[in-house]
């Protein structure tokens, strides 16, 4: 299990959201390999949950996208 989070960040349009705090790091199937990249090292079924709270300073659209090997997932 890997649990990561960030808070009080400004992120530019189109930029990846960096995770700067690792709360739980157990097991060997996943790891935070870069500030905005979590790698899953073993085959299997994974539960991915995302909670977000966004307060844009200006009127803006906010979106999130999950990628697998650089390919956007539905």
N, C-alpha and C. Protein backbone atom coordinates (compact mmCIF):
# COMPACT_ATOMS: atom_id res chain seq x y z
N UNK A 1 0.85 -1.18 0.00
CA UNK A 1 0.00 0.00 0.00
C UNK A 1 0.89 1.24 0.00
N UNK A 2 0.53 2.17 -0.83
CA UNK A 2 1.24 3.44 -0.90
C UNK A 2 0.23 4.55 -0.75
N UNK A 3 0.43 5.41 0.21
CA UNK A 3 -0.46 6.56 0.40
C UNK A 3 0.39 7.81 0.36
N UNK A 4 0.06 8.71 -0.58
CA UNK A 4 0.81 9.94 -0.75
C UNK A 4 -0.16 11.12 -0.82
N UNK A 5 0.35 12.31 -0.52
CA UNK A 5 -0.50 13.49 -0.64
C UNK A 5 0.36 14.74 -0.78
N UNK A 6 -0.29 15.80 -1.18
CA UNK A 6 0.32 17.13 -1.24
C UNK A 6 -0.72 18.13 -0.76
N UNK A 7 -0.27 19.25 -0.29
CA UNK A 7 -1.22 20.29 0.11
C UNK A 7 -0.61 21.66 -0.13
N UNK A 8 -1.49 22.62 -0.31
CA UNK A 8 -1.12 24.03 -0.49
C UNK A 8 -0.10 24.23 -1.61
N UNK A 9 -0.43 23.70 -2.78
CA UNK A 9 0.45 23.84 -3.93
C UNK A 9 -0.20 24.65 -5.02
N UNK A 10 0.62 25.32 -5.81
CA UNK A 10 0.16 25.95 -7.04
C UNK A 10 0.73 25.11 -8.18
N UNK A 11 -0.14 24.69 -9.09
CA UNK A 11 0.29 23.87 -10.22
C UNK A 11 -0.12 24.56 -11.50
N UNK A 12 0.82 24.70 -12.41
CA UNK A 12 0.55 25.36 -13.69
C UNK A 12 -0.38 24.51 -14.55
N UNK A 13 -1.09 25.16 -15.43
CA UNK A 13 -2.00 24.47 -16.35
C UNK A 13 -1.24 23.41 -17.13
N UNK A 14 -1.78 22.19 -17.17
CA UNK A 14 -1.17 21.10 -17.92
C UNK A 14 -0.03 20.40 -17.21
N UNK A 15 0.33 20.86 -16.02
CA UNK A 15 1.45 20.26 -15.29
C UNK A 15 0.98 19.09 -14.43
N UNK A 16 1.89 18.18 -14.16
CA UNK A 16 1.60 17.06 -13.27
C UNK A 16 1.56 17.55 -11.83
N UNK A 17 0.70 16.94 -11.05
CA UNK A 17 0.55 17.31 -9.64
C UNK A 17 1.55 16.50 -8.82
N UNK A 18 2.52 17.14 -8.19
CA UNK A 18 3.53 16.38 -7.44
C UNK A 18 3.02 15.92 -6.08
N UNK A 19 3.42 14.72 -5.70
CA UNK A 19 3.12 14.21 -4.37
C UNK A 19 4.37 14.43 -3.52
N UNK A 20 4.27 15.23 -2.48
CA UNK A 20 5.47 15.53 -1.71
C UNK A 20 5.47 14.95 -0.30
N UNK A 21 4.48 14.14 0.03
CA UNK A 21 4.45 13.50 1.35
C UNK A 21 4.03 12.04 1.19
N UNK A 22 4.85 11.14 1.70
CA UNK A 22 4.51 9.72 1.71
C UNK A 22 4.08 9.38 3.13
N UNK A 23 2.82 8.95 3.29
CA UNK A 23 2.28 8.65 4.61
C UNK A 23 2.49 7.18 4.95
N UNK A 24 2.16 6.30 4.02
CA UNK A 24 2.29 4.86 4.23
C UNK A 24 3.06 4.28 3.04
N UNK A 25 4.02 3.45 3.31
CA UNK A 25 4.78 2.78 2.26
C UNK A 25 5.03 1.35 2.72
N UNK A 26 4.15 0.42 2.31
CA UNK A 26 4.26 -0.99 2.70
C UNK A 26 4.23 -1.85 1.45
N UNK A 27 4.83 -2.98 1.50
CA UNK A 27 4.80 -3.90 0.38
C UNK A 27 5.85 -3.57 -0.65
N UNK A 28 5.80 -4.26 -1.76
CA UNK A 28 6.83 -4.04 -2.77
C UNK A 28 6.25 -3.89 -4.17
N UNK A 29 4.95 -3.72 -4.29
CA UNK A 29 4.32 -3.63 -5.60
C UNK A 29 4.20 -2.23 -6.14
N UNK A 30 4.45 -1.22 -5.32
CA UNK A 30 4.30 0.15 -5.78
C UNK A 30 5.33 1.04 -5.11
N UNK A 31 5.65 2.14 -5.81
CA UNK A 31 6.60 3.09 -5.22
C UNK A 31 6.44 4.45 -5.88
N UNK A 32 6.78 5.46 -5.16
CA UNK A 32 6.80 6.83 -5.69
C UNK A 32 8.17 7.00 -6.33
N UNK A 33 8.21 7.01 -7.66
CA UNK A 33 9.49 7.03 -8.37
C UNK A 33 9.91 8.42 -8.82
N UNK A 34 8.99 9.36 -8.81
CA UNK A 34 9.27 10.75 -9.13
C UNK A 34 8.19 11.56 -8.43
N UNK A 35 8.35 12.86 -8.32
CA UNK A 35 7.36 13.64 -7.55
C UNK A 35 5.92 13.46 -8.01
N UNK A 36 5.71 13.15 -9.28
CA UNK A 36 4.33 13.01 -9.77
C UNK A 36 4.08 11.65 -10.41
N UNK A 37 4.93 10.65 -10.09
CA UNK A 37 4.81 9.35 -10.72
C UNK A 37 4.83 8.23 -9.69
N UNK A 38 3.80 7.41 -9.72
CA UNK A 38 3.76 6.21 -8.89
C UNK A 38 3.87 5.02 -9.82
N UNK A 39 4.84 4.15 -9.56
CA UNK A 39 5.04 2.98 -10.41
C UNK A 39 4.53 1.74 -9.70
N UNK A 40 3.84 0.88 -10.46
CA UNK A 40 3.36 -0.40 -9.98
C UNK A 40 4.27 -1.46 -10.59
N UNK A 41 5.03 -2.17 -9.76
CA UNK A 41 6.07 -3.06 -10.23
C UNK A 41 5.63 -4.50 -10.47
N UNK A 42 4.44 -4.87 -10.01
CA UNK A 42 4.00 -6.25 -10.15
C UNK A 42 2.66 -6.30 -10.85
N UNK A 43 2.41 -7.38 -11.59
CA UNK A 43 1.11 -7.60 -12.18
C UNK A 43 0.09 -7.81 -11.08
N UNK A 44 -1.13 -7.40 -11.34
CA UNK A 44 -2.17 -7.61 -10.36
C UNK A 44 -3.32 -6.64 -10.56
N UNK A 45 -4.21 -6.68 -9.63
CA UNK A 45 -5.34 -5.76 -9.62
C UNK A 45 -5.08 -4.73 -8.53
N UNK A 46 -5.14 -3.47 -8.88
CA UNK A 46 -4.86 -2.40 -7.93
C UNK A 46 -6.08 -1.51 -7.76
N UNK A 47 -6.28 -1.06 -6.58
CA UNK A 47 -7.33 -0.08 -6.28
C UNK A 47 -6.64 1.28 -6.23
N UNK A 48 -7.08 2.19 -7.09
CA UNK A 48 -6.52 3.54 -7.12
C UNK A 48 -7.63 4.50 -6.73
N UNK A 49 -7.43 5.23 -5.65
CA UNK A 49 -8.41 6.20 -5.19
C UNK A 49 -7.77 7.58 -5.16
N UNK A 50 -8.54 8.57 -5.56
CA UNK A 50 -8.06 9.95 -5.56
C UNK A 50 -9.12 10.83 -4.93
N UNK A 51 -8.72 11.61 -3.96
CA UNK A 51 -9.58 12.63 -3.37
C UNK A 51 -8.92 13.97 -3.65
N UNK A 52 -9.71 14.94 -4.05
CA UNK A 52 -9.13 16.24 -4.33
C UNK A 52 -9.98 17.38 -3.83
N UNK A 53 -9.33 18.41 -3.39
CA UNK A 53 -9.99 19.63 -2.98
C UNK A 53 -9.22 20.76 -3.65
N UNK A 54 -9.89 21.46 -4.55
CA UNK A 54 -9.22 22.48 -5.36
C UNK A 54 -9.92 23.81 -5.17
N UNK A 55 -9.15 24.84 -4.96
CA UNK A 55 -9.69 26.20 -4.90
C UNK A 55 -8.91 27.07 -5.88
N UNK A 56 -9.36 27.10 -7.14
CA UNK A 56 -8.65 27.91 -8.12
C UNK A 56 -8.78 29.40 -7.80
N UNK A 57 -7.71 30.12 -8.04
CA UNK A 57 -7.69 31.56 -7.79
C UNK A 57 -8.49 32.31 -8.84
N UNK A 58 -8.61 31.75 -10.01
CA UNK A 58 -9.39 32.35 -11.08
C UNK A 58 -10.36 31.29 -11.60
N UNK A 59 -11.31 31.71 -12.39
CA UNK A 59 -12.25 30.75 -12.97
C UNK A 59 -11.47 29.83 -13.89
N UNK A 60 -11.57 28.53 -13.63
CA UNK A 60 -10.80 27.57 -14.43
C UNK A 60 -11.46 26.21 -14.39
N UNK A 61 -11.16 25.41 -15.39
CA UNK A 61 -11.56 24.00 -15.38
C UNK A 61 -10.46 23.20 -14.71
N UNK A 62 -10.84 22.25 -13.90
CA UNK A 62 -9.88 21.39 -13.23
C UNK A 62 -10.17 19.96 -13.65
N UNK A 63 -9.13 19.23 -14.05
CA UNK A 63 -9.32 17.83 -14.44
C UNK A 63 -8.14 17.00 -13.95
N UNK A 64 -8.37 15.69 -13.85
CA UNK A 64 -7.32 14.74 -13.48
C UNK A 64 -7.34 13.62 -14.50
N UNK A 65 -6.18 13.03 -14.74
CA UNK A 65 -6.08 11.95 -15.71
C UNK A 65 -5.10 10.91 -15.21
N UNK A 66 -5.48 9.64 -15.28
CA UNK A 66 -4.63 8.51 -14.94
C UNK A 66 -3.96 8.02 -16.22
N UNK A 67 -2.64 7.83 -16.17
CA UNK A 67 -1.89 7.32 -17.30
C UNK A 67 -1.25 5.99 -16.95
N UNK A 68 -1.20 5.07 -17.91
CA UNK A 68 -0.49 3.81 -17.77
C UNK A 68 0.51 3.75 -18.91
N UNK A 69 1.79 3.73 -18.57
CA UNK A 69 2.86 3.72 -19.58
C UNK A 69 2.68 4.85 -20.59
N UNK A 70 2.28 6.02 -20.12
CA UNK A 70 2.12 7.18 -20.97
C UNK A 70 0.83 7.23 -21.76
N UNK A 71 -0.08 6.26 -21.56
CA UNK A 71 -1.35 6.22 -22.28
C UNK A 71 -2.48 6.60 -21.33
N UNK A 72 -3.26 7.60 -21.70
CA UNK A 72 -4.37 8.05 -20.88
C UNK A 72 -5.40 6.93 -20.73
N UNK A 73 -5.90 6.73 -19.53
CA UNK A 73 -6.88 5.69 -19.25
C UNK A 73 -8.26 6.32 -19.07
N UNK A 74 -9.32 5.62 -19.50
CA UNK A 74 -10.67 6.18 -19.34
C UNK A 74 -11.07 6.24 -17.87
